[in-house]
Amino acid sequence: HPVEMPIPEGIVVNVEKNTSVTVSGYDKEQVGQFAADIRSKRE
């Protein structure tokens, strides 16, 4: 099944070439945590 993740407020997610994901925002903790959550789906 596909993994659906809601994007939190203050975070911008860009996908380039279907295999490159960029997470950006102004809160370092929130950006790092969301990137770690994405990585944890398939380490």
PDB file of all heavy atoms in Angstrom:
ATOM      1  N   HIS A   1       0.839  -1.186   0.000  1.00  0.00           N
ATOM      2  CA  HIS A   1       0.000   0.000   0.000  1.00  0.00           C
ATOM      3  C   HIS A   1       0.884   1.250   0.000  1.00  0.00           C
ATOM      4  O   HIS A   1       2.013   1.203   0.483  1.00  0.00           O
ATOM      5  CB  HIS A   1      -0.883   0.010   1.256  1.00  0.00           C
ATOM      6  CG  HIS A   1      -0.087   0.016   2.527  1.00  0.00           C
ATOM      7  ND1 HIS A   1       0.635  -1.075   2.956  1.00  0.00           N
ATOM      8  CD2 HIS A   1       0.127   0.991   3.435  1.00  0.00           C
ATOM      9  CE1 HIS A   1       1.251  -0.781   4.080  1.00  0.00           C
ATOM     10  NE2 HIS A   1       0.965   0.469   4.398  1.00  0.00           N
ATOM     11  N   PRO A   2       0.395   2.361  -0.527  1.00  0.00           N
ATOM     12  CA  PRO A   2       1.172   3.603  -0.449  1.00  0.00           C
ATOM     13  C   PRO A   2       1.138   4.157   0.978  1.00  0.00           C
ATOM     14  O   PRO A   2       0.174   3.965   1.712  1.00  0.00           O
ATOM     15  CB  PRO A   2       0.468   4.544  -1.424  1.00  0.00           C
ATOM     16  CG  PRO A   2      -0.897   4.006  -1.550  1.00  0.00           C
ATOM     17  CD  PRO A   2      -0.822   2.525  -1.324  1.00  0.00           C
ATOM     18  N   VAL A   3       2.202   4.826   1.360  1.00  0.00           N
ATOM     19  CA  VAL A   3       2.297   5.431   2.686  1.00  0.00           C
ATOM     20  C   VAL A   3       1.913   6.900   2.560  1.00  0.00           C
ATOM     21  O   VAL A   3       2.557   7.649   1.830  1.00  0.00           O
ATOM     22  CB  VAL A   3       3.736   5.290   3.242  1.00  0.00           C
ATOM     23  CG1 VAL A   3       3.851   5.968   4.590  1.00  0.00           C
ATOM     24  CG2 VAL A   3       4.140   3.830   3.333  1.00  0.00           C
ATOM     25  N   GLU A   4       0.855   7.297   3.266  1.00  0.00           N
ATOM     26  CA  GLU A   4       0.375   8.679   3.249  1.00  0.00           C
ATOM     27  C   GLU A   4       0.868   9.383   4.509  1.00  0.00           C
ATOM     28  O   GLU A   4       0.696   8.873   5.612  1.00  0.00           O
ATOM     29  CB  GLU A   4      -1.151   8.725   3.230  1.00  0.00           C
ATOM     30  CG  GLU A   4      -1.782   8.142   1.988  1.00  0.00           C
ATOM     31  CD  GLU A   4      -1.773   9.105   0.824  1.00  0.00           C
ATOM     32  OE1 GLU A   4      -1.711  10.319   1.058  1.00  0.00           O
ATOM     33  OE2 GLU A   4      -1.827   8.627  -0.308  1.00  0.00           O
ATOM     34  N   MET A   5       1.466  10.559   4.336  1.00  0.00           N
ATOM     35  CA  MET A   5       1.943  11.354   5.469  1.00  0.00           C
ATOM     36  C   MET A   5       1.390  12.767   5.349  1.00  0.00           C
ATOM     37  O   MET A   5       1.657  13.448   4.355  1.00  0.00           O
ATOM     38  CB  MET A   5       3.468  11.399   5.496  1.00  0.00           C
ATOM     39  CG  MET A   5       4.128  10.062   5.683  1.00  0.00           C
ATOM     40  SD  MET A   5       5.909  10.200   5.771  1.00  0.00           S
ATOM     41  CE  MET A   5       6.089  11.003   7.353  1.00  0.00           C
ATOM     42  N   PRO A   6       0.618  13.236   6.353  1.00  0.00           N
ATOM     43  CA  PRO A   6       0.165  14.633   6.313  1.00  0.00           C
ATOM     44  C   PRO A   6       1.344  15.573   6.562  1.00  0.00           C
ATOM     45  O   PRO A   6       2.183  15.318   7.421  1.00  0.00           O
ATOM     46  CB  PRO A   6      -0.860  14.709   7.448  1.00  0.00           C
ATOM     47  CG  PRO A   6      -0.530  13.571   8.347  1.00  0.00           C
ATOM     48  CD  PRO A   6       0.101  12.512   7.508  1.00  0.00           C
ATOM     49  N   ILE A   7       1.393  16.639   5.779  1.00  0.00           N
ATOM     50  CA  ILE A   7       2.483  17.620   5.907  1.00  0.00           C
ATOM     51  C   ILE A   7       2.086  18.631   6.973  1.00  0.00           C
ATOM     52  O   ILE A   7       1.033  19.252   6.879  1.00  0.00           O
ATOM     53  CB  ILE A   7       2.745  18.318   4.558  1.00  0.00           C
ATOM     54  CG1 ILE A   7       3.146  17.283   3.504  1.00  0.00           C
ATOM     55  CG2 ILE A   7       3.820  19.381   4.704  1.00  0.00           C
ATOM     56  CD1 ILE A   7       3.236  17.832   2.105  1.00  0.00           C
ATOM     57  N   PRO A   8       2.926  18.802   8.024  1.00  0.00           N
ATOM     58  CA  PRO A   8       2.588  19.752   9.087  1.00  0.00           C
ATOM     59  C   PRO A   8       2.607  21.208   8.608  1.00  0.00           C
ATOM     60  O   PRO A   8       3.238  21.533   7.609  1.00  0.00           O
ATOM     61  CB  PRO A   8       3.674  19.532  10.145  1.00  0.00           C
ATOM     62  CG  PRO A   8       4.484  18.379   9.705  1.00  0.00           C
ATOM     63  CD  PRO A   8       4.160  18.093   8.277  1.00  0.00           C
ATOM     64  N   GLU A   9       1.942  22.069   9.376  1.00  0.00           N
ATOM     65  CA  GLU A   9       1.946  23.507   9.091  1.00  0.00           C
ATOM     66  C   GLU A   9       3.369  24.043   9.228  1.00  0.00           C
ATOM     67  O   GLU A   9       4.100  23.656  10.126  1.00  0.00           O
ATOM     68  CB  GLU A   9       1.030  24.245  10.057  1.00  0.00           C
ATOM     69  CG  GLU A   9      -0.435  24.013   9.820  1.00  0.00           C
ATOM     70  CD  GLU A   9      -0.929  24.609   8.525  1.00  0.00           C
ATOM     71  OE1 GLU A   9      -0.473  25.710   8.149  1.00  0.00           O
ATOM     72  OE2 GLU A   9      -1.748  23.949   7.863  1.00  0.00           O
ATOM     73  N   GLY A  10       3.759  24.933   8.344  1.00  0.00           N
ATOM     74  CA  GLY A  10       5.084  25.536   8.401  1.00  0.00           C
ATOM     75  C   GLY A  10       6.146  24.747   7.657  1.00  0.00           C
ATOM     76  O   GLY A  10       7.291  25.154   7.612  1.00  0.00           O
ATOM     77  N   ILE A  11       5.786  23.597   7.090  1.00  0.00           N
ATOM     78  CA  ILE A  11       6.720  22.749   6.352  1.00  0.00           C
ATOM     79  C   ILE A  11       6.322  22.761   4.881  1.00  0.00           C
ATOM     80  O   ILE A  11       5.143  22.664   4.546  1.00  0.00           O
ATOM     81  CB  ILE A  11       6.690  21.293   6.872  1.00  0.00           C
ATOM     82  CG1 ILE A  11       7.144  21.232   8.328  1.00  0.00           C
ATOM     83  CG2 ILE A  11       7.524  20.378   6.014  1.00  0.00           C
ATOM     84  CD1 ILE A  11       8.606  21.495   8.530  1.00  0.00           C
ATOM     85  N   VAL A  12       7.326  22.869   4.005  1.00  0.00           N
ATOM     86  CA  VAL A  12       7.111  22.800   2.562  1.00  0.00           C
ATOM     87  C   VAL A  12       7.872  21.588   2.049  1.00  0.00           C
ATOM     88  O   VAL A  12       9.059  21.437   2.333  1.00  0.00           O
ATOM     89  CB  VAL A  12       7.603  24.086   1.859  1.00  0.00           C
ATOM     90  CG1 VAL A  12       7.452  23.977   0.356  1.00  0.00           C
ATOM     91  CG2 VAL A  12       6.880  25.298   2.397  1.00  0.00           C
ATOM     92  N   VAL A  13       7.190  20.726   1.308  1.00  0.00           N
ATOM     93  CA  VAL A  13       7.810  19.523   0.758  1.00  0.00           C
ATOM     94  C   VAL A  13       7.781  19.624  -0.759  1.00  0.00           C
ATOM     95  O   VAL A  13       6.720  19.858  -1.350  1.00  0.00           O
ATOM     96  CB  VAL A  13       7.074  18.249   1.225  1.00  0.00           C
ATOM     97  CG1 VAL A  13       7.690  17.020   0.602  1.00  0.00           C
ATOM     98  CG2 VAL A  13       7.097  18.141   2.730  1.00  0.00           C
ATOM     99  N   ASN A  14       8.953  19.472  -1.381  1.00  0.00           N
ATOM    100  CA  ASN A  14       9.065  19.470  -2.838  1.00  0.00           C
ATOM    101  C   ASN A  14       9.588  18.115  -3.274  1.00  0.00           C
ATOM    102  O   ASN A  14      10.479  17.553  -2.642  1.00  0.00           O
ATOM    103  CB  ASN A  14      10.022  20.559  -3.327  1.00  0.00           C
ATOM    104  CG  ASN A  14       9.495  21.943  -3.056  1.00  0.00           C
ATOM    105  OD1 ASN A  14       8.307  22.188  -3.163  1.00  0.00           O
ATOM    106  ND2 ASN A  14      10.375  22.847  -2.686  1.00  0.00           N
ATOM    107  N   VAL A  15       9.050  17.605  -4.377  1.00  0.00           N
ATOM    108  CA  VAL A  15       9.501  16.331  -4.933  1.00  0.00           C
ATOM    109  C   VAL A  15      10.016  16.600  -6.339  1.00  0.00           C
ATOM    110  O   VAL A  15       9.302  17.125  -7.184  1.00  0.00           O
ATOM    111  CB  VAL A  15       8.357  15.300  -4.973  1.00  0.00           C
ATOM    112  CG1 VAL A  15       8.811  14.020  -5.636  1.00  0.00           C
ATOM    113  CG2 VAL A  15       7.836  15.022  -3.580  1.00  0.00           C
ATOM    114  N   GLU A  16      11.296  16.253  -6.573  1.00  0.00           N
ATOM    115  CA  GLU A  16      11.887  16.377  -7.899  1.00  0.00           C
ATOM    116  C   GLU A  16      12.214  14.977  -8.404  1.00  0.00           C
ATOM    117  O   GLU A  16      12.750  14.160  -7.671  1.00  0.00           O
ATOM    118  CB  GLU A  16      13.170  17.215  -7.868  1.00  0.00           C
ATOM    119  CG  GLU A  16      13.007  18.610  -7.316  1.00  0.00           C
ATOM    120  CD  GLU A  16      13.368  18.706  -5.847  1.00  0.00           C
ATOM    121  OE1 GLU A  16      14.176  17.890  -5.381  1.00  0.00           O
ATOM    122  OE2 GLU A  16      12.806  19.578  -5.173  1.00  0.00           O
ATOM    123  N   LYS A  17      11.915  14.704  -9.640  1.00  0.00           N
ATOM    124  CA  LYS A  17      12.253  13.440 -10.307  1.00  0.00           C
ATOM    125  C   LYS A  17      11.689  12.203  -9.604  1.00  0.00           C
ATOM    126  O   LYS A  17      12.250  11.122  -9.728  1.00  0.00           O
ATOM    127  CB  LYS A  17      13.772  13.278 -10.464  1.00  0.00           C
ATOM    128  CG  LYS A  17      14.427  14.384 -11.264  1.00  0.00           C
ATOM    129  CD  LYS A  17      15.897  14.138 -11.438  1.00  0.00           C
ATOM    130  CE  LYS A  17      16.589  14.282 -10.114  1.00  0.00           C
ATOM    131  NZ  LYS A  17      18.020  14.126 -10.142  1.00  0.00           N
ATOM    132  N   ASN A  18      10.623  12.330  -8.832  1.00  0.00           N
ATOM    133  CA  ASN A  18       9.939  11.231  -8.139  1.00  0.00           C
ATOM    134  C   ASN A  18      10.769  10.543  -7.072  1.00  0.00           C
ATOM    135  O   ASN A  18      10.227   9.784  -6.281  1.00  0.00           O
ATOM    136  CB  ASN A  18       9.436  10.169  -9.121  1.00  0.00           C
ATOM    137  CG  ASN A  18       8.292  10.651  -9.962  1.00  0.00           C
ATOM    138  OD1 ASN A  18       7.555  11.540  -9.554  1.00  0.00           O
ATOM    139  ND2 ASN A  18       8.146  10.087 -11.138  1.00  0.00           N
ATOM    140  N   THR A  19      12.082  10.721  -7.041  1.00  0.00           N
ATOM    141  CA  THR A  19      12.906  10.024  -6.057  1.00  0.00           C
ATOM    142  C   THR A  19      13.711  10.972  -5.181  1.00  0.00           C
ATOM    143  O   THR A  19      14.504  10.515  -4.371  1.00  0.00           O
ATOM    144  CB  THR A  19      13.893   9.065  -6.752  1.00  0.00           C
ATOM    145  OG1 THR A  19      14.723   9.801  -7.635  1.00  0.00           O
ATOM    146  CG2 THR A  19      13.159   7.986  -7.510  1.00  0.00           C
ATOM    147  N   SER A  20      13.517  12.256  -5.312  1.00  0.00           N
ATOM    148  CA  SER A  20      14.232  13.242  -4.514  1.00  0.00           C
ATOM    149  C   SER A  20      13.219  14.108  -3.774  1.00  0.00           C
ATOM    150  O   SER A  20      12.386  14.766  -4.401  1.00  0.00           O
ATOM    151  CB  SER A  20      15.116  14.100  -5.420  1.00  0.00           C
ATOM    152  OG  SER A  20      15.769  15.068  -4.665  1.00  0.00           O
ATOM    153  N   VAL A  21      13.283  14.094  -2.442  1.00  0.00           N
ATOM    154  CA  VAL A  21      12.338  14.830  -1.613  1.00  0.00           C
ATOM    155  C   VAL A  21      13.107  15.896  -0.842  1.00  0.00           C
ATOM    156  O   VAL A  21      14.142  15.602  -0.239  1.00  0.00           O
ATOM    157  CB  VAL A  21      11.612  13.888  -0.623  1.00  0.00           C
ATOM    158  CG1 VAL A  21      10.655  14.666   0.260  1.00  0.00           C
ATOM    159  CG2 VAL A  21      10.886  12.784  -1.366  1.00  0.00           C
ATOM    160  N   THR A  22      12.612  17.133  -0.871  1.00  0.00           N
ATOM    161  CA  THR A  22      13.219  18.230  -0.133  1.00  0.00           C
ATOM    162  C   THR A  22      12.211  18.751   0.881  1.00  0.00           C
ATOM    163  O   THR A  22      11.101  19.132   0.518  1.00  0.00           O
ATOM    164  CB  THR A  22      13.635  19.364  -1.079  1.00  0.00           C
ATOM    165  OG1 THR A  22      14.498  18.832  -2.071  1.00  0.00           O
ATOM    166  CG2 THR A  22      14.345  20.462  -0.332  1.00  0.00           C
ATOM    167  N   VAL A  23      12.603  18.740   2.152  1.00  0.00           N
ATOM    168  CA  VAL A  23      11.768  19.243   3.240  1.00  0.00           C
ATOM    169  C   VAL A  23      12.371  20.559   3.697  1.00  0.00           C
ATOM    170  O   VAL A  23      13.555  20.620   4.015  1.00  0.00           O
ATOM    171  CB  VAL A  23      11.731  18.236   4.418  1.00  0.00           C
ATOM    172  CG1 VAL A  23      10.865  18.762   5.545  1.00  0.00           C
ATOM    173  CG2 VAL A  23      11.247  16.880   3.953  1.00  0.00           C
ATOM    174  N   SER A  24      11.583  21.629   3.717  1.00  0.00           N
ATOM    175  CA  SER A  24      12.102  22.925   4.132  1.00  0.00           C
ATOM    176  C   SER A  24      11.088  23.635   5.012  1.00  0.00           C
ATOM    177  O   SER A  24       9.887  23.364   4.956  1.00  0.00           O
ATOM    178  CB  SER A  24      12.466  23.781   2.917  1.00  0.00           C
ATOM    179  OG  SER A  24      11.337  23.969   2.103  1.00  0.00           O
ATOM    180  N   GLY A  25      11.607  24.548   5.831  1.00  0.00           N
ATOM    181  CA  GLY A  25      10.768  25.315   6.733  1.00  0.00           C
ATOM    182  C   GLY A  25      11.621  26.227   7.587  1.00  0.00           C
ATOM    183  O   GLY A  25      12.841  26.268   7.452  1.00  0.00           O
ATOM    184  N   TYR A  26      10.977  26.942   8.512  1.00  0.00           N
ATOM    185  CA  TYR A  26      11.707  27.891   9.340  1.00  0.00           C
ATOM    186  C   TYR A  26      12.009  27.357  10.740  1.00  0.00           C
ATOM    187  O   TYR A  26      12.803  27.943  11.454  1.00  0.00           O
ATOM    188  CB  TYR A  26      10.959  29.226   9.437  1.00  0.00           C
ATOM    189  CG  TYR A  26       9.535  29.119   9.931  1.00  0.00           C
ATOM    190  CD1 TYR A  26       9.258  29.134  11.285  1.00  0.00           C
ATOM    191  CD2 TYR A  26       8.483  29.003   9.042  1.00  0.00           C
ATOM    192  CE1 TYR A  26       7.963  29.030  11.738  1.00  0.00           C
ATOM    193  CE2 TYR A  26       7.184  28.908   9.491  1.00  0.00           C
ATOM    194  CZ  TYR A  26       6.925  28.918  10.841  1.00  0.00           C
ATOM    195  OH  TYR A  26       5.645  28.806  11.292  1.00  0.00           O
ATOM    196  N   ASP A  27      11.408  26.238  11.141  1.00  0.00           N
ATOM    197  CA  ASP A  27      11.668  25.648  12.448  1.00  0.00           C
ATOM    198  C   ASP A  27      12.571  24.438  12.273  1.00  0.00           C
ATOM    199  O   ASP A  27      12.177  23.433  11.687  1.00  0.00           O
ATOM    200  CB  ASP A  27      10.348  25.243  13.109  1.00  0.00           C
ATOM    201  CG  ASP A  27      10.512  24.799  14.548  1.00  0.00           C
ATOM    202  OD1 ASP A  27      11.666  24.701  15.020  1.00  0.00           O
ATOM    203  OD2 ASP A  27       9.482  24.556  15.203  1.00  0.00           O
ATOM    204  N   LYS A  28      13.806  24.526  12.758  1.00  0.00           N
ATOM    205  CA  LYS A  28      14.799  23.464  12.557  1.00  0.00           C
ATOM    206  C   LYS A  28      14.337  22.139  13.145  1.00  0.00           C
ATOM    207  O   LYS A  28      14.529  21.075  12.543  1.00  0.00           O
ATOM    208  CB  LYS A  28      16.131  23.869  13.181  1.00  0.00           C
ATOM    209  CG  LYS A  28      17.246  22.882  12.909  1.00  0.00           C
ATOM    210  CD  LYS A  28      18.565  23.368  13.442  1.00  0.00           C
ATOM    211  CE  LYS A  28      19.680  22.435  13.021  1.00  0.00           C
ATOM    212  NZ  LYS A  28      20.987  22.934  13.430  1.00  0.00           N
ATOM    213  N   GLU A  29      13.721  22.176  14.320  1.00  0.00           N
ATOM    214  CA  GLU A  29      13.240  20.949  14.948  1.00  0.00           C
ATOM    215  C   GLU A  29      12.160  20.285  14.114  1.00  0.00           C
ATOM    216  O   GLU A  29      12.168  19.068  13.924  1.00  0.00           O
ATOM    217  CB  GLU A  29      12.683  21.249  16.339  1.00  0.00           C
ATOM    218  CG  GLU A  29      13.714  21.630  17.358  1.00  0.00           C
ATOM    219  CD  GLU A  29      13.087  21.954  18.700  1.00  0.00           C
ATOM    220  OE1 GLU A  29      12.164  21.230  19.118  1.00  0.00           O
ATOM    221  OE2 GLU A  29      13.514  22.931  19.315  1.00  0.00           O
ATOM    222  N   GLN A  30      11.239  21.058  13.621  1.00  0.00           N
ATOM    223  CA  GLN A  30      10.121  20.522  12.851  1.00  0.00           C
ATOM    224  C   GLN A  30      10.599  19.956  11.513  1.00  0.00           C
ATOM    225  O   GLN A  30      10.145  18.891  11.091  1.00  0.00           O
ATOM    226  CB  GLN A  30       9.090  21.627  12.635  1.00  0.00           C
ATOM    227  CG  GLN A  30       7.722  21.130  12.308  1.00  0.00           C
ATOM    228  CD  GLN A  30       6.707  22.261  12.253  1.00  0.00           C
ATOM    229  OE1 GLN A  30       7.073  23.423  12.040  1.00  0.00           O
ATOM    230  NE2 GLN A  30       5.449  21.931  12.425  1.00  0.00           N
ATOM    231  N   VAL A  31      11.524  20.638  10.847  1.00  0.00           N
ATOM    232  CA  VAL A  31      12.067  20.153   9.575  1.00  0.00           C
ATOM    233  C   VAL A  31      12.817  18.842   9.785  1.00  0.00           C
ATOM    234  O   VAL A  31      12.618  17.864   9.061  1.00  0.00           O
ATOM    235  CB  VAL A  31      12.992  21.214   8.928  1.00  0.00           C
ATOM    236  CG1 VAL A  31      13.769  20.637   7.766  1.00  0.00           C
ATOM    237  CG2 VAL A  31      12.183  22.417   8.470  1.00  0.00           C
ATOM    238  N   GLY A  32      13.668  18.803  10.806  1.00  0.00           N
ATOM    239  CA  GLY A  32      14.429  17.596  11.086  1.00  0.00           C
ATOM    240  C   GLY A  32      13.546  16.432  11.489  1.00  0.00           C
ATOM    241  O   GLY A  32      13.783  15.283  11.084  1.00  0.00           O
ATOM    242  N   GLN A  33      12.506  16.688  12.283  1.00  0.00           N
ATOM    243  CA  GLN A  33      11.619  15.618  12.733  1.00  0.00           C
ATOM    244  C   GLN A  33      10.806  15.053  11.574  1.00  0.00           C
ATOM    245  O   GLN A  33      10.645  13.840  11.455  1.00  0.00           O
ATOM    246  CB  GLN A  33      10.683  16.122  13.834  1.00  0.00           C
ATOM    247  CG  GLN A  33       9.811  15.040  14.428  1.00  0.00           C
ATOM    248  CD  GLN A  33      10.613  13.934  15.078  1.00  0.00           C
ATOM    249  OE1 GLN A  33      11.467  14.199  15.919  1.00  0.00           O
ATOM    250  NE2 GLN A  33      10.365  12.700  14.691  1.00  0.00           N
ATOM    251  N   PHE A  34      10.299  15.918  10.682  1.00  0.00           N
ATOM    252  CA  PHE A  34       9.515  15.413   9.558  1.00  0.00           C
ATOM    253  C   PHE A  34      10.398  14.631   8.588  1.00  0.00           C
ATOM    254  O   PHE A  34       9.986  13.594   8.067  1.00  0.00           O
ATOM    255  CB  PHE A  34       8.790  16.554   8.839  1.00  0.00           C
ATOM    256  CG  PHE A  34       7.779  16.068   7.843  1.00  0.00           C
ATOM    257  CD1 PHE A  34       6.653  15.386   8.266  1.00  0.00           C
ATOM    258  CD2 PHE A  34       7.954  16.276   6.492  1.00  0.00           C
ATOM    259  CE1 PHE A  34       5.716  14.915   7.365  1.00  0.00           C
ATOM    260  CE2 PHE A  34       7.032  15.812   5.578  1.00  0.00           C
ATOM    261  CZ  PHE A  34       5.901  15.143   6.016  1.00  0.00           C
ATOM    262  N   ALA A  35      11.629  15.094   8.362  1.00  0.00           N
ATOM    263  CA  ALA A  35      12.566  14.352   7.513  1.00  0.00           C
ATOM    264  C   ALA A  35      12.890  12.996   8.138  1.00  0.00           C
ATOM    265  O   ALA A  35      12.960  11.977   7.437  1.00  0.00           O
ATOM    266  CB  ALA A  35      13.839  15.152   7.280  1.00  0.00           C
ATOM    267  N   ALA A  36      13.062  12.953   9.456  1.00  0.00           N
ATOM    268  CA  ALA A  36      13.328  11.686  10.141  1.00  0.00           C
ATOM    269  C   ALA A  36      12.115  10.756  10.077  1.00  0.00           C
ATOM    270  O   ALA A  36      12.274   9.531   9.954  1.00  0.00           O
ATOM    271  CB  ALA A  36      13.714  11.942  11.587  1.00  0.00           C
ATOM    272  N   ASP A  37      10.906  11.322  10.139  1.00  0.00           N
ATOM    273  CA  ASP A  37       9.697  10.506  10.013  1.00  0.00           C
ATOM    274  C   ASP A  37       9.598   9.885   8.622  1.00  0.00           C
ATOM    275  O   ASP A  37       9.209   8.721   8.478  1.00  0.00           O
ATOM    276  CB  ASP A  37       8.450  11.339  10.302  1.00  0.00           C
ATOM    277  CG  ASP A  37       8.320  11.720  11.764  1.00  0.00           C
ATOM    278  OD1 ASP A  37       8.997  11.090  12.610  1.00  0.00           O
ATOM    279  OD2 ASP A  37       7.550  12.660  12.061  1.00  0.00           O
ATOM    280  N   ILE A  38       9.952  10.655   7.586  1.00  0.00           N
ATOM    281  CA  ILE A  38       9.944  10.116   6.219  1.00  0.00           C
ATOM    282  C   ILE A  38      10.967   8.996   6.114  1.00  0.00           C
ATOM    283  O   ILE A  38      10.679   7.915   5.582  1.00  0.00           O
ATOM    284  CB  ILE A  38      10.247  11.226   5.195  1.00  0.00           C
ATOM    285  CG1 ILE A  38       9.127  12.255   5.167  1.00  0.00           C
ATOM    286  CG2 ILE A  38      10.462  10.635   3.806  1.00  0.00           C
ATOM    287  CD1 ILE A  38       9.443  13.487   4.348  1.00  0.00           C
ATOM    288  N   ARG A  39      12.163   9.212   6.646  1.00  0.00           N
ATOM    289  CA  ARG A  39      13.227   8.203   6.580  1.00  0.00           C
ATOM    290  C   ARG A  39      12.841   6.935   7.333  1.00  0.00           C
ATOM    291  O   ARG A  39      13.187   5.828   6.940  1.00  0.00           O
ATOM    292  CB  ARG A  39      14.523   8.779   7.147  1.00  0.00           C
ATOM    293  CG  ARG A  39      15.714   7.844   7.032  1.00  0.00           C
ATOM    294  CD  ARG A  39      16.951   8.469   7.654  1.00  0.00           C
ATOM    295  NE  ARG A  39      18.106   7.611   7.545  1.00  0.00           N
ATOM    296  CZ  ARG A  39      18.389   6.631   8.403  1.00  0.00           C
ATOM    297  NH1 ARG A  39      17.588   6.397   9.420  1.00  0.00           N
ATOM    298  NH2 ARG A  39      19.467   5.889   8.237  1.00  0.00           N
ATOM    299  N   SER A  40      12.096   7.080   8.433  1.00  0.00           N
ATOM    300  CA  SER A  40      11.739   5.922   9.255  1.00  0.00           C
ATOM    301  C   SER A  40      10.737   4.988   8.567  1.00  0.00           C
ATOM    302  O   SER A  40      10.568   3.856   9.001  1.00  0.00           O
ATOM    303  CB  SER A  40      11.174   6.379  10.596  1.00  0.00           C
ATOM    304  OG  SER A  40       9.879   6.920  10.433  1.00  0.00           O
ATOM    305  N   LYS A  41      10.088   5.454   7.515  1.00  0.00           N
ATOM    306  CA  LYS A  41       9.128   4.599   6.810  1.00  0.00           C
ATOM    307  C   LYS A  41       9.814   3.458   6.071  1.00  0.00           C
ATOM    308  O   LYS A  41       9.224   2.415   5.842  1.00  0.00           O
ATOM    309  CB  LYS A  41       8.285   5.420   5.826  1.00  0.00           C
ATOM    310  CG  LYS A  41       7.461   6.500   6.491  1.00  0.00           C
ATOM    311  CD  LYS A  41       6.528   5.930   7.527  1.00  0.00           C
ATOM    312  CE  LYS A  41       5.739   7.041   8.197  1.00  0.00           C
ATOM    313  NZ  LYS A  41       4.954   6.557   9.311  1.00  0.00           N
ATOM    314  N   ARG A  42      11.079   3.634   5.662  1.00  0.00           N
ATOM    315  CA  ARG A  42      11.877   2.561   5.054  1.00  0.00           C
ATOM    316  C   ARG A  42      13.338   2.963   5.153  1.00  0.00           C
ATOM    317  O   ARG A  42      13.881   3.604   4.258  1.00  0.00           O
ATOM    318  CB  ARG A  42      11.465   2.364   3.599  1.00  0.00           C
ATOM    319  CG  ARG A  42      12.249   1.318   2.865  1.00  0.00           C
ATOM    320  CD  ARG A  42      11.884  -0.091   3.242  1.00  0.00           C
ATOM    321  NE  ARG A  42      10.840  -0.581   2.370  1.00  0.00           N
ATOM    322  CZ  ARG A  42      10.409  -1.832   2.391  1.00  0.00           C
ATOM    323  NH1 ARG A  42      10.928  -2.698   3.226  1.00  0.00           N
ATOM    324  NH2 ARG A  42       9.451  -2.204   1.589  1.00  0.00           N
ATOM    325  N   GLU A  43      13.966   2.603   6.277  1.00  0.00           N
ATOM    326  CA  GLU A  43      15.367   2.963   6.486  1.00  0.00           C
ATOM    327  C   GLU A  43      16.249   2.194   5.518  1.00  0.00           C
ATOM    328  O   GLU A  43      15.909   1.079   5.115  1.00  0.00           O
ATOM    329  CB  GLU A  43      15.769   2.672   7.934  1.00  0.00           C
ATOM    330  CG  GLU A  43      15.076   3.583   8.921  1.00  0.00           C
ATOM    331  CD  GLU A  43      15.524   3.353  10.350  1.00  0.00           C
ATOM    332  OE1 GLU A  43      16.417   2.521  10.573  1.00  0.00           O
ATOM    333  OE2 GLU A  43      14.968   4.021  11.229  1.00  0.00           O
TER     334      GLU A  43
END
